[in-house]
Amino acid sequence: MSDWQRRLKEICADRKSGATELAKRAVRLLKSMERQKAPFENLVTAAEQIAAAHPAMAPLWHIAQLVREQKLDQSQQLSKRLRQFLEDMERHAQQAVNVAVEWLPEGVVPVHSFSSLVFRALTAAHKRGKRVKVVCTVALPGGEGVALAKALKRNGVPVTLVADLHAFAWLPRCDLFLVGADAWCLDGLVHKVGTHPLAWFARHLGVPVWSLGTTEKRLPLRWRETMKGQAPPLAPSSIAQDRTLYDLTEWSLVAGIISEEGVCPAEKFALSLQGHQNSLKMAQ
């Protein structure tokens, strides 16, 4: 097995890293393959395999699209396009955090799973002097919420770690439910499993559900079963296990989206996604 094949296998098998980290690793791999003058078909195959292994992560879909487009337009090196993609994503991330800090109201805010943007926004809001208390779910399977709670505490943000199911008892006392996004697809928000039931309950309590991300999280596709992903085994047992990793929260349950472009009602954002899909179809 070659070095690039080994690295590709590791990226495809990774079920702990977020979309941003996986996008960086995918770009590093593809740039390395280009420097080593690997056949272009190998680059296409690698990009498509990474996107297929993580179908819920929109940035990886965009990277695969970018590599495919290189076939049609070779006026610029692929490595330059990939570098620009990462630079844009990081610039958009900081802009989205700035928007979120200005917008974020004071109060009790539950979060689910580890979103780097949610972490950055809550930390910056706290430093700004906003009184925000965070309720952080453990976020099983994986337990990423533990890492988020520890990181928030290190930065002085008031935070309480709760079991996933116990978050339902906290929601009536909360002011809004804030999550990141693995993707914003045509049918709704794709995020860590457990987001949908929490959002459903929050919506019926009148607690608004908001998602923070960047335009790289737009995925002009319909939700499909493969987006559920597969978490590591819940227990070392022969018992049948539902290893769903991501779920879909319909746009009707989401109040709005926060991105580098500003704050947008979910209904309006969903319409813009539909328009983006139509533009892609016309381009093809």
C-alpha atoms as a PDB file:
ATOM      1  CA  MET A   1       0.000   0.000   0.000  1.00  0.00           C
ATOM      2  CA  SER A   2       1.390   3.402  -1.009  1.00  0.00           C
ATOM      3  CA  ASP A   3       1.666   6.334   1.417  1.00  0.00           C
ATOM      4  CA  TRP A   4      -1.258   8.187  -0.181  1.00  0.00           C
ATOM      5  CA  GLN A   5      -3.442   5.084  -0.072  1.00  0.00           C
ATOM      6  CA  ARG A   6      -2.671   4.648   3.636  1.00  0.00           C
ATOM      7  CA  ARG A   7      -3.495   8.294   4.367  1.00  0.00           C
ATOM      8  CA  LEU A   8      -6.670   8.053   2.290  1.00  0.00           C
ATOM      9  CA  LYS A   9      -7.785   4.996   4.246  1.00  0.00           C
ATOM     10  CA  GLU A  10      -7.190   6.790   7.555  1.00  0.00           C
ATOM     11  CA  ILE A  11      -9.210   9.834   6.485  1.00  0.00           C
ATOM     12  CA  CYS A  12     -12.084   7.672   5.259  1.00  0.00           C
ATOM     13  CA  ALA A  13     -12.129   5.675   8.513  1.00  0.00           C
ATOM     14  CA  ASP A  14     -11.966   8.718  10.835  1.00  0.00           C
ATOM     15  CA  ARG A  15     -15.195   9.057  12.851  1.00  0.00           C
ATOM     16  CA  LYS A  16     -13.925  11.508  15.464  1.00  0.00           C
ATOM     17  CA  SER A  17     -12.634  14.538  13.540  1.00  0.00           C
ATOM     18  CA  GLY A  18     -14.969  17.292  12.403  1.00  0.00           C
ATOM     19  CA  ALA A  19     -15.572  18.471   8.852  1.00  0.00           C
ATOM     20  CA  THR A  20     -13.014  21.282   9.068  1.00  0.00           C
ATOM     21  CA  GLU A  21     -10.181  19.026  10.238  1.00  0.00           C
ATOM     22  CA  LEU A  22     -11.039  16.348   7.668  1.00  0.00           C
ATOM     23  CA  ALA A  23     -11.167  18.985   4.919  1.00  0.00           C
ATOM     24  CA  LYS A  24      -7.659  20.149   5.864  1.00  0.00           C
ATOM     25  CA  ARG A  25      -6.339  16.587   5.825  1.00  0.00           C
ATOM     26  CA  ALA A  26      -8.031  15.876   2.493  1.00  0.00           C
ATOM     27  CA  VAL A  27      -6.484  18.992   0.946  1.00  0.00           C
ATOM     28  CA  ARG A  28      -3.022  18.106   2.272  1.00  0.00           C
ATOM     29  CA  LEU A  29      -3.355  14.618   0.789  1.00  0.00           C
ATOM     30  CA  LEU A  30      -4.505  15.841  -2.628  1.00  0.00           C
ATOM     31  CA  LYS A  31      -1.787  18.517  -2.808  1.00  0.00           C
ATOM     32  CA  SER A  32       0.816  15.894  -1.903  1.00  0.00           C
ATOM     33  CA  MET A  33      -0.486  13.585  -4.620  1.00  0.00           C
ATOM     34  CA  GLU A  34      -0.321  16.406  -7.156  1.00  0.00           C
ATOM     35  CA  ARG A  35       3.278  17.235  -6.166  1.00  0.00           C
ATOM     36  CA  GLN A  36       4.193  13.566  -6.628  1.00  0.00           C
ATOM     37  CA  LYS A  37       2.611  13.724 -10.093  1.00  0.00           C
ATOM     38  CA  ALA A  38       0.054  11.034  -9.342  1.00  0.00           C
ATOM     39  CA  PRO A  39      -2.310  10.326 -12.272  1.00  0.00           C
ATOM     40  CA  PHE A  40      -5.175  12.813 -12.160  1.00  0.00           C
ATOM     41  CA  GLU A  41      -7.698   9.960 -12.052  1.00  0.00           C
ATOM     42  CA  ASN A  42      -6.147   8.939  -8.717  1.00  0.00           C
ATOM     43  CA  LEU A  43      -6.839  12.419  -7.342  1.00  0.00           C
ATOM     44  CA  VAL A  44     -10.454  12.233  -8.501  1.00  0.00           C
ATOM     45  CA  THR A  45     -10.809   8.780  -6.960  1.00  0.00           C
ATOM     46  CA  ALA A  46      -9.303   9.911  -3.643  1.00  0.00           C
ATOM     47  CA  ALA A  47     -11.529  13.006  -3.405  1.00  0.00           C
ATOM     48  CA  GLU A  48     -14.646  11.009  -4.266  1.00  0.00           C
ATOM     49  CA  GLN A  49     -13.824   8.261  -1.766  1.00  0.00           C
ATOM     50  CA  ILE A  50     -13.366  10.799   1.032  1.00  0.00           C
ATOM     51  CA  ALA A  51     -16.699  12.474   0.203  1.00  0.00           C
ATOM     52  CA  ALA A  52     -18.439   9.091  -0.024  1.00  0.00           C
ATOM     53  CA  ALA A  53     -16.995   8.001   3.344  1.00  0.00           C
ATOM     54  CA  HIS A  54     -18.368  11.175   5.001  1.00  0.00           C
ATOM     55  CA  PRO A  55     -21.548  11.989   3.021  1.00  0.00           C
ATOM     56  CA  ALA A  56     -22.922  14.206   5.796  1.00  0.00           C
ATOM     57  CA  MET A  57     -19.951  16.606   5.648  1.00  0.00           C
ATOM     58  CA  ALA A  58     -20.573  19.293   3.056  1.00  0.00           C
ATOM     59  CA  PRO A  59     -16.993  20.679   2.803  1.00  0.00           C
ATOM     60  CA  LEU A  60     -15.758  17.279   1.616  1.00  0.00           C
ATOM     61  CA  TRP A  61     -18.436  17.242  -1.086  1.00  0.00           C
ATOM     62  CA  HIS A  62     -17.251  20.682  -2.222  1.00  0.00           C
ATOM     63  CA  ILE A  63     -13.642  19.489  -2.376  1.00  0.00           C
ATOM     64  CA  ALA A  64     -14.678  16.537  -4.558  1.00  0.00           C
ATOM     65  CA  GLN A  65     -16.605  18.937  -6.811  1.00  0.00           C
ATOM     66  CA  LEU A  66     -13.562  21.176  -7.066  1.00  0.00           C
ATOM     67  CA  VAL A  67     -11.361  18.264  -8.157  1.00  0.00           C
ATOM     68  CA  ARG A  68     -13.911  17.176 -10.773  1.00  0.00           C
ATOM     69  CA  GLU A  69     -14.075  20.726 -12.128  1.00  0.00           C
ATOM     70  CA  GLN A  70     -10.291  20.698 -12.564  1.00  0.00           C
ATOM     71  CA  LYS A  71     -10.847  18.242 -15.423  1.00  0.00           C
ATOM     72  CA  LEU A  72     -12.778  20.892 -17.334  1.00  0.00           C
ATOM     73  CA  ASP A  73     -10.683  23.922 -16.462  1.00  0.00           C
ATOM     74  CA  GLN A  74      -6.944  23.433 -16.026  1.00  0.00           C
ATOM     75  CA  SER A  75      -6.054  27.123 -16.215  1.00  0.00           C
ATOM     76  CA  GLN A  76      -4.927  26.978 -12.576  1.00  0.00           C
ATOM     77  CA  GLN A  77      -3.112  24.320 -10.554  1.00  0.00           C
ATOM     78  CA  LEU A  78      -5.347  22.165  -8.387  1.00  0.00           C
ATOM     79  CA  SER A  79      -3.170  22.880  -5.342  1.00  0.00           C
ATOM     80  CA  LYS A  80      -3.892  26.612  -5.698  1.00  0.00           C
ATOM     81  CA  ARG A  81      -7.628  25.991  -5.906  1.00  0.00           C
ATOM     82  CA  LEU A  82      -7.499  23.758  -2.836  1.00  0.00           C
ATOM     83  CA  ARG A  83      -5.456  26.295  -0.869  1.00  0.00           C
ATOM     84  CA  GLN A  84      -7.934  29.006  -1.792  1.00  0.00           C
ATOM     85  CA  PHE A  85     -10.817  26.806  -0.633  1.00  0.00           C
ATOM     86  CA  LEU A  86      -9.259  26.401   2.825  1.00  0.00           C
ATOM     87  CA  GLU A  87      -8.375  30.087   3.063  1.00  0.00           C
ATOM     88  CA  ASP A  88     -11.937  31.052   2.159  1.00  0.00           C
ATOM     89  CA  MET A  89     -13.358  28.583   4.684  1.00  0.00           C
ATOM     90  CA  GLU A  90     -11.225  29.975   7.517  1.00  0.00           C
ATOM     91  CA  ARG A  91     -12.014  33.585   6.587  1.00  0.00           C
ATOM     92  CA  HIS A  92     -15.707  32.766   6.458  1.00  0.00           C
ATOM     93  CA  ALA A  93     -15.429  30.988   9.811  1.00  0.00           C
ATOM     94  CA  GLN A  94     -14.055  34.081  11.537  1.00  0.00           C
ATOM     95  CA  GLN A  95     -16.686  36.267   9.895  1.00  0.00           C
ATOM     96  CA  ALA A  96     -19.440  33.864  10.987  1.00  0.00           C
ATOM     97  CA  VAL A  97     -18.123  33.912  14.555  1.00  0.00           C
ATOM     98  CA  ASN A  98     -18.143  37.717  14.526  1.00  0.00           C
ATOM     99  CA  VAL A  99     -21.757  37.733  13.327  1.00  0.00           C
ATOM    100  CA  ALA A 100     -22.733  35.199  16.002  1.00  0.00           C
ATOM    101  CA  VAL A 101     -21.090  37.165  18.807  1.00  0.00           C
ATOM    102  CA  GLU A 102     -22.981  40.329  17.865  1.00  0.00           C
ATOM    103  CA  TRP A 103     -26.273  38.445  17.519  1.00  0.00           C
ATOM    104  CA  LEU A 104     -26.094  36.038  20.475  1.00  0.00           C
ATOM    105  CA  PRO A 105     -28.524  37.042  23.246  1.00  0.00           C
ATOM    106  CA  GLU A 106     -27.714  36.548  26.909  1.00  0.00           C
ATOM    107  CA  GLY A 107     -29.254  33.597  28.707  1.00  0.00           C
ATOM    108  CA  VAL A 108     -29.070  29.822  28.960  1.00  0.00           C
ATOM    109  CA  VAL A 109     -27.915  28.156  25.751  1.00  0.00           C
ATOM    110  CA  PRO A 110     -27.861  24.364  25.250  1.00  0.00           C
ATOM    111  CA  VAL A 111     -25.465  22.967  22.638  1.00  0.00           C
ATOM    112  CA  HIS A 112     -25.056  19.478  21.172  1.00  0.00           C
ATOM    113  CA  SER A 113     -21.785  17.922  19.944  1.00  0.00           C
ATOM    114  CA  PHE A 114     -18.520  19.775  19.303  1.00  0.00           C
ATOM    115  CA  SER A 115     -18.679  22.565  16.746  1.00  0.00           C
ATOM    116  CA  SER A 116     -15.485  24.623  16.496  1.00  0.00           C
ATOM    117  CA  LEU A 117     -17.528  27.660  15.411  1.00  0.00           C
ATOM    118  CA  VAL A 118     -19.964  27.323  18.316  1.00  0.00           C
ATOM    119  CA  PHE A 119     -17.004  27.031  20.691  1.00  0.00           C
ATOM    120  CA  ARG A 120     -15.313  30.116  19.206  1.00  0.00           C
ATOM    121  CA  ALA A 121     -18.534  32.143  19.268  1.00  0.00           C
ATOM    122  CA  LEU A 122     -19.419  31.285  22.872  1.00  0.00           C
ATOM    123  CA  THR A 123     -15.874  31.975  24.044  1.00  0.00           C
ATOM    124  CA  ALA A 124     -15.730  35.309  22.231  1.00  0.00           C
ATOM    125  CA  ALA A 125     -19.163  36.308  23.551  1.00  0.00           C
ATOM    126  CA  HIS A 126     -18.041  35.547  27.104  1.00  0.00           C
ATOM    127  CA  LYS A 127     -14.905  37.657  26.643  1.00  0.00           C
ATOM    128  CA  ARG A 128     -17.128  40.423  25.266  1.00  0.00           C
ATOM    129  CA  GLY A 129     -18.958  40.401  28.613  1.00  0.00           C
ATOM    130  CA  LYS A 130     -22.165  38.689  27.515  1.00  0.00           C
ATOM    131  CA  ARG A 131     -23.761  36.633  30.271  1.00  0.00           C
ATOM    132  CA  VAL A 132     -24.274  33.278  28.621  1.00  0.00           C
ATOM    133  CA  LYS A 133     -24.549  29.992  30.514  1.00  0.00           C
ATOM    134  CA  VAL A 134     -23.959  26.928  28.348  1.00  0.00           C
ATOM    135  CA  VAL A 135     -25.655  23.560  28.830  1.00  0.00           C
ATOM    136  CA  CYS A 136     -23.511  21.004  27.029  1.00  0.00           C
ATOM    137  CA  THR A 137     -24.759  17.509  26.187  1.00  0.00           C
ATOM    138  CA  VAL A 138     -22.307  14.608  26.369  1.00  0.00           C
ATOM    139  CA  ALA A 139     -23.288  13.889  22.729  1.00  0.00           C
ATOM    140  CA  LEU A 140     -23.082  10.130  22.487  1.00  0.00           C
ATOM    141  CA  PRO A 141     -21.919   8.173  20.583  1.00  0.00           C
ATOM    142  CA  GLY A 142     -18.480   9.697  20.662  1.00  0.00           C
ATOM    143  CA  GLY A 143     -18.981  12.009  23.634  1.00  0.00           C
ATOM    144  CA  GLU A 144     -17.625  15.097  21.851  1.00  0.00           C
ATOM    145  CA  GLY A 145     -19.621  17.268  24.228  1.00  0.00           C
ATOM    146  CA  VAL A 146     -17.237  16.408  27.066  1.00  0.00           C
ATOM    147  CA  ALA A 147     -14.334  17.915  25.148  1.00  0.00           C
ATOM    148  CA  LEU A 148     -16.408  21.004  24.341  1.00  0.00           C
ATOM    149  CA  ALA A 149     -17.428  21.480  27.983  1.00  0.00           C
ATOM    150  CA  LYS A 150     -13.807  21.199  29.126  1.00  0.00           C
ATOM    151  CA  ALA A 151     -12.649  23.682  26.490  1.00  0.00           C
ATOM    152  CA  LEU A 152     -15.365  26.174  27.465  1.00  0.00           C
ATOM    153  CA  LYS A 153     -14.495  25.845  31.146  1.00  0.00           C
ATOM    154  CA  ARG A 154     -10.791  26.459  30.427  1.00  0.00           C
ATOM    155  CA  ASN A 155     -11.853  29.720  28.794  1.00  0.00           C
ATOM    156  CA  GLY A 156     -13.962  30.772  31.745  1.00  0.00           C
ATOM    157  CA  VAL A 157     -17.361  30.186  30.133  1.00  0.00           C
ATOM    158  CA  PRO A 158     -20.017  29.018  32.653  1.00  0.00           C
ATOM    159  CA  VAL A 159     -20.939  25.511  31.490  1.00  0.00           C
ATOM    160  CA  THR A 160     -22.871  22.516  32.781  1.00  0.00           C
ATOM    161  CA  LEU A 161     -22.367  19.058  31.276  1.00  0.00           C
ATOM    162  CA  VAL A 162     -25.544  16.952  31.076  1.00  0.00           C
ATOM    163  CA  ALA A 163     -26.547  13.512  29.846  1.00  0.00           C
ATOM    164  CA  ASP A 164     -28.150  13.631  26.406  1.00  0.00           C
ATOM    165  CA  LEU A 165     -31.626  12.677  27.623  1.00  0.00           C
ATOM    166  CA  HIS A 166     -31.409  15.050  30.583  1.00  0.00           C
ATOM    167  CA  ALA A 167     -31.107  17.934  28.112  1.00  0.00           C
ATOM    168  CA  PHE A 168     -34.877  17.604  27.602  1.00  0.00           C
ATOM    169  CA  ALA A 169     -35.358  18.599  31.255  1.00  0.00           C
ATOM    170  CA  TRP A 170     -33.160  21.664  30.727  1.00  0.00           C
ATOM    171  CA  LEU A 171     -34.776  22.922  27.523  1.00  0.00           C
ATOM    172  CA  PRO A 172     -37.819  24.580  29.215  1.00  0.00           C
ATOM    173  CA  ARG A 173     -35.349  26.789  31.102  1.00  0.00           C
ATOM    174  CA  CYS A 174     -33.333  27.748  28.038  1.00  0.00           C
ATOM    175  CA  ASP A 175     -33.459  30.781  25.772  1.00  0.00           C
ATOM    176  CA  LEU A 176     -32.300  29.215  22.508  1.00  0.00           C
ATOM    177  CA  PHE A 177     -30.781  25.971  21.204  1.00  0.00           C
ATOM    178  CA  LEU A 178     -27.515  26.548  19.299  1.00  0.00           C
ATOM    179  CA  VAL A 179     -25.744  23.946  17.168  1.00  0.00           C
ATOM    180  CA  GLY A 180     -23.148  23.870  14.422  1.00  0.00           C
ATOM    181  CA  ALA A 181     -23.717  22.030  11.151  1.00  0.00           C
ATOM    182  CA  ASP A 182     -22.147  19.196   9.223  1.00  0.00           C
ATOM    183  CA  ALA A 183     -24.289  20.218   6.276  1.00  0.00           C
ATOM    184  CA  TRP A 184     -27.253  22.378   5.334  1.00  0.00           C
ATOM    185  CA  CYS A 185     -28.995  20.226   2.751  1.00  0.00           C
ATOM    186  CA  LEU A 186     -32.198  20.859   0.795  1.00  0.00           C
ATOM    187  CA  ASP A 187     -34.300  19.101   3.433  1.00  0.00           C
ATOM    188  CA  GLY A 188     -32.775  20.607   6.555  1.00  0.00           C
ATOM    189  CA  LEU A 189     -29.876  20.625   8.993  1.00  0.00           C
ATOM    190  CA  VAL A 190     -27.581  17.584   9.046  1.00  0.00           C
ATOM    191  CA  HIS A 191     -25.896  17.286  12.431  1.00  0.00           C
ATOM    192  CA  LYS A 192     -24.890  14.856  15.190  1.00  0.00           C
ATOM    193  CA  VAL A 193     -27.536  12.234  15.971  1.00  0.00           C
ATOM    194  CA  GLY A 194     -29.865  13.482  18.697  1.00  0.00           C
ATOM    195  CA  THR A 195     -30.146  16.980  17.232  1.00  0.00           C
ATOM    196  CA  HIS A 196     -33.541  16.279  15.662  1.00  0.00           C
ATOM    197  CA  PRO A 197     -35.408  15.160  18.819  1.00  0.00           C
ATOM    198  CA  LEU A 198     -33.898  18.014  20.824  1.00  0.00           C
ATOM    199  CA  ALA A 199     -34.856  20.505  18.096  1.00  0.00           C
ATOM    200  CA  TRP A 200     -38.373  19.049  17.865  1.00  0.00           C
ATOM    201  CA  PHE A 201     -38.910  19.444  21.610  1.00  0.00           C
ATOM    202  CA  ALA A 202     -37.367  22.915  21.631  1.00  0.00           C
ATOM    203  CA  ARG A 203     -39.612  24.024  18.768  1.00  0.00           C
ATOM    204  CA  HIS A 204     -42.720  22.866  20.604  1.00  0.00           C
ATOM    205  CA  LEU A 205     -41.594  24.681  23.747  1.00  0.00           C
ATOM    206  CA  GLY A 206     -41.091  27.890  21.787  1.00  0.00           C
ATOM    207  CA  VAL A 207     -37.299  27.754  22.201  1.00  0.00           C
ATOM    208  CA  PRO A 208     -35.749  28.845  18.865  1.00  0.00           C
ATOM    209  CA  VAL A 209     -33.250  26.522  17.179  1.00  0.00           C
ATOM    210  CA  TRP A 210     -30.267  28.155  15.458  1.00  0.00           C
ATOM    211  CA  SER A 211     -27.423  26.695  13.411  1.00  0.00           C
ATOM    212  CA  LEU A 212     -23.993  28.350  13.038  1.00  0.00           C
ATOM    213  CA  GLY A 213     -21.750  27.599  10.076  1.00  0.00           C
ATOM    214  CA  THR A 214     -20.257  28.935   6.850  1.00  0.00           C
ATOM    215  CA  THR A 215     -21.382  28.757   3.229  1.00  0.00           C
ATOM    216  CA  GLU A 216     -19.063  25.758   2.778  1.00  0.00           C
ATOM    217  CA  LYS A 217     -21.703  23.829   4.758  1.00  0.00           C
ATOM    218  CA  ARG A 218     -24.254  24.266   1.968  1.00  0.00           C
ATOM    219  CA  LEU A 219     -25.041  20.933   0.365  1.00  0.00           C
ATOM    220  CA  PRO A 220     -27.447  21.264  -2.618  1.00  0.00           C
ATOM    221  CA  LEU A 221     -28.629  17.665  -2.274  1.00  0.00           C
ATOM    222  CA  ARG A 222     -31.596  15.855  -0.770  1.00  0.00           C
ATOM    223  CA  TRP A 223     -31.210  13.968   2.498  1.00  0.00           C
ATOM    224  CA  ARG A 224     -30.493  10.301   1.926  1.00  0.00           C
ATOM    225  CA  GLU A 225     -30.004   7.312   4.186  1.00  0.00           C
ATOM    226  CA  THR A 226     -26.247   7.174   3.593  1.00  0.00           C
ATOM    227  CA  MET A 227     -25.915  10.549   5.336  1.00  0.00           C
ATOM    228  CA  LYS A 228     -26.717   8.831   8.627  1.00  0.00           C
ATOM    229  CA  GLY A 229     -23.140   7.557   8.652  1.00  0.00           C
ATOM    230  CA  GLN A 230     -21.947   4.853  10.979  1.00  0.00           C
ATOM    231  CA  ALA A 231     -20.622   5.462  14.464  1.00  0.00           C
ATOM    232  CA  PRO A 232     -18.119   3.119  16.151  1.00  0.00           C
ATOM    233  CA  PRO A 233     -19.773   0.192  17.987  1.00  0.00           C
ATOM    234  CA  LEU A 234     -21.752   1.320  21.004  1.00  0.00           C
ATOM    235  CA  ALA A 235     -20.477  -1.675  22.957  1.00  0.00           C
ATOM    236  CA  PRO A 236     -18.219  -4.668  22.260  1.00  0.00           C
ATOM    237  CA  SER A 237     -21.148  -7.038  21.876  1.00  0.00           C
ATOM    238  CA  SER A 238     -22.904  -9.210  19.320  1.00  0.00           C
ATOM    239  CA  ILE A 239     -26.185  -7.420  20.168  1.00  0.00           C
ATOM    240  CA  ALA A 240     -27.736  -5.657  17.172  1.00  0.00           C
ATOM    241  CA  GLN A 241     -26.842  -1.955  17.307  1.00  0.00           C
ATOM    242  CA  ASP A 242     -28.199   1.167  15.651  1.00  0.00           C
ATOM    243  CA  ARG A 243     -24.960   3.036  14.919  1.00  0.00           C
ATOM    244  CA  THR A 244     -26.508   6.145  13.353  1.00  0.00           C
ATOM    245  CA  LEU A 245     -24.065   9.069  13.569  1.00  0.00           C
ATOM    246  CA  TYR A 246     -26.036  11.980  12.025  1.00  0.00           C
ATOM    247  CA  ASP A 247     -29.693  12.918  11.728  1.00  0.00           C
ATOM    248  CA  LEU A 248     -31.798  15.408   9.811  1.00  0.00           C
ATOM    249  CA  THR A 249     -33.594  18.348  11.428  1.00  0.00           C
ATOM    250  CA  GLU A 250     -36.198  19.642   8.985  1.00  0.00           C
ATOM    251  CA  TRP A 251     -36.155  23.331   8.129  1.00  0.00           C
ATOM    252  CA  SER A 252     -39.590  23.711   9.736  1.00  0.00           C
ATOM    253  CA  LEU A 253     -37.938  23.083  13.128  1.00  0.00           C
ATOM    254  CA  VAL A 254     -35.102  25.579  12.622  1.00  0.00           C
ATOM    255  CA  ALA A 255     -35.520  29.283  13.342  1.00  0.00           C
ATOM    256  CA  GLY A 256     -32.537  30.434  11.334  1.00  0.00           C
ATOM    257  CA  ILE A 257     -28.976  30.197  10.104  1.00  0.00           C
ATOM    258  CA  ILE A 258     -25.960  32.252  11.182  1.00  0.00           C
ATOM    259  CA  SER A 259     -23.086  32.467   8.694  1.00  0.00           C
ATOM    260  CA  GLU A 260     -20.524  34.929   7.342  1.00  0.00           C
ATOM    261  CA  GLU A 261     -23.384  36.337   5.258  1.00  0.00           C
ATOM    262  CA  GLY A 262     -25.350  37.305   8.350  1.00  0.00           C
ATOM    263  CA  VAL A 263     -28.444  36.030  10.159  1.00  0.00           C
ATOM    264  CA  CYS A 264     -31.049  34.442   7.906  1.00  0.00           C
ATOM    265  CA  PRO A 265     -34.479  32.905   8.638  1.00  0.00           C
ATOM    266  CA  ALA A 266     -34.474  29.181   7.876  1.00  0.00           C
ATOM    267  CA  GLU A 267     -37.300  29.418   5.356  1.00  0.00           C
ATOM    268  CA  LYS A 268     -35.437  32.031   3.305  1.00  0.00           C
ATOM    269  CA  PHE A 269     -32.189  30.085   3.560  1.00  0.00           C
ATOM    270  CA  ALA A 270     -33.872  26.885   2.327  1.00  0.00           C
ATOM    271  CA  LEU A 271     -35.147  28.766  -0.737  1.00  0.00           C
ATOM    272  CA  SER A 272     -31.624  30.031  -1.474  1.00  0.00           C
ATOM    273  CA  LEU A 273     -30.338  26.446  -1.320  1.00  0.00           C
ATOM    274  CA  GLN A 274     -32.953  25.400  -3.843  1.00  0.00           C
ATOM    275  CA  GLY A 275     -31.815  28.217  -6.117  1.00  0.00           C
ATOM    276  CA  HIS A 276     -28.189  27.074  -5.743  1.00  0.00           C
ATOM    277  CA  GLN A 277     -29.184  23.547  -6.769  1.00  0.00           C
ATOM    278  CA  ASN A 278     -30.962  24.868  -9.845  1.00  0.00           C
ATOM    279  CA  SER A 279     -27.849  26.860 -10.797  1.00  0.00           C
ATOM    280  CA  LEU A 280     -25.726  23.718 -10.553  1.00  0.00           C
ATOM    281  CA  LYS A 281     -28.126  21.807 -12.788  1.00  0.00           C
ATOM    282  CA  MET A 282     -27.974  24.562 -15.419  1.00  0.00           C
ATOM    283  CA  ALA A 283     -24.150  24.594 -15.253  1.00  0.00           C
ATOM    284  CA  GLN A 284     -24.079  20.862 -15.876  1.00  0.00           C
END
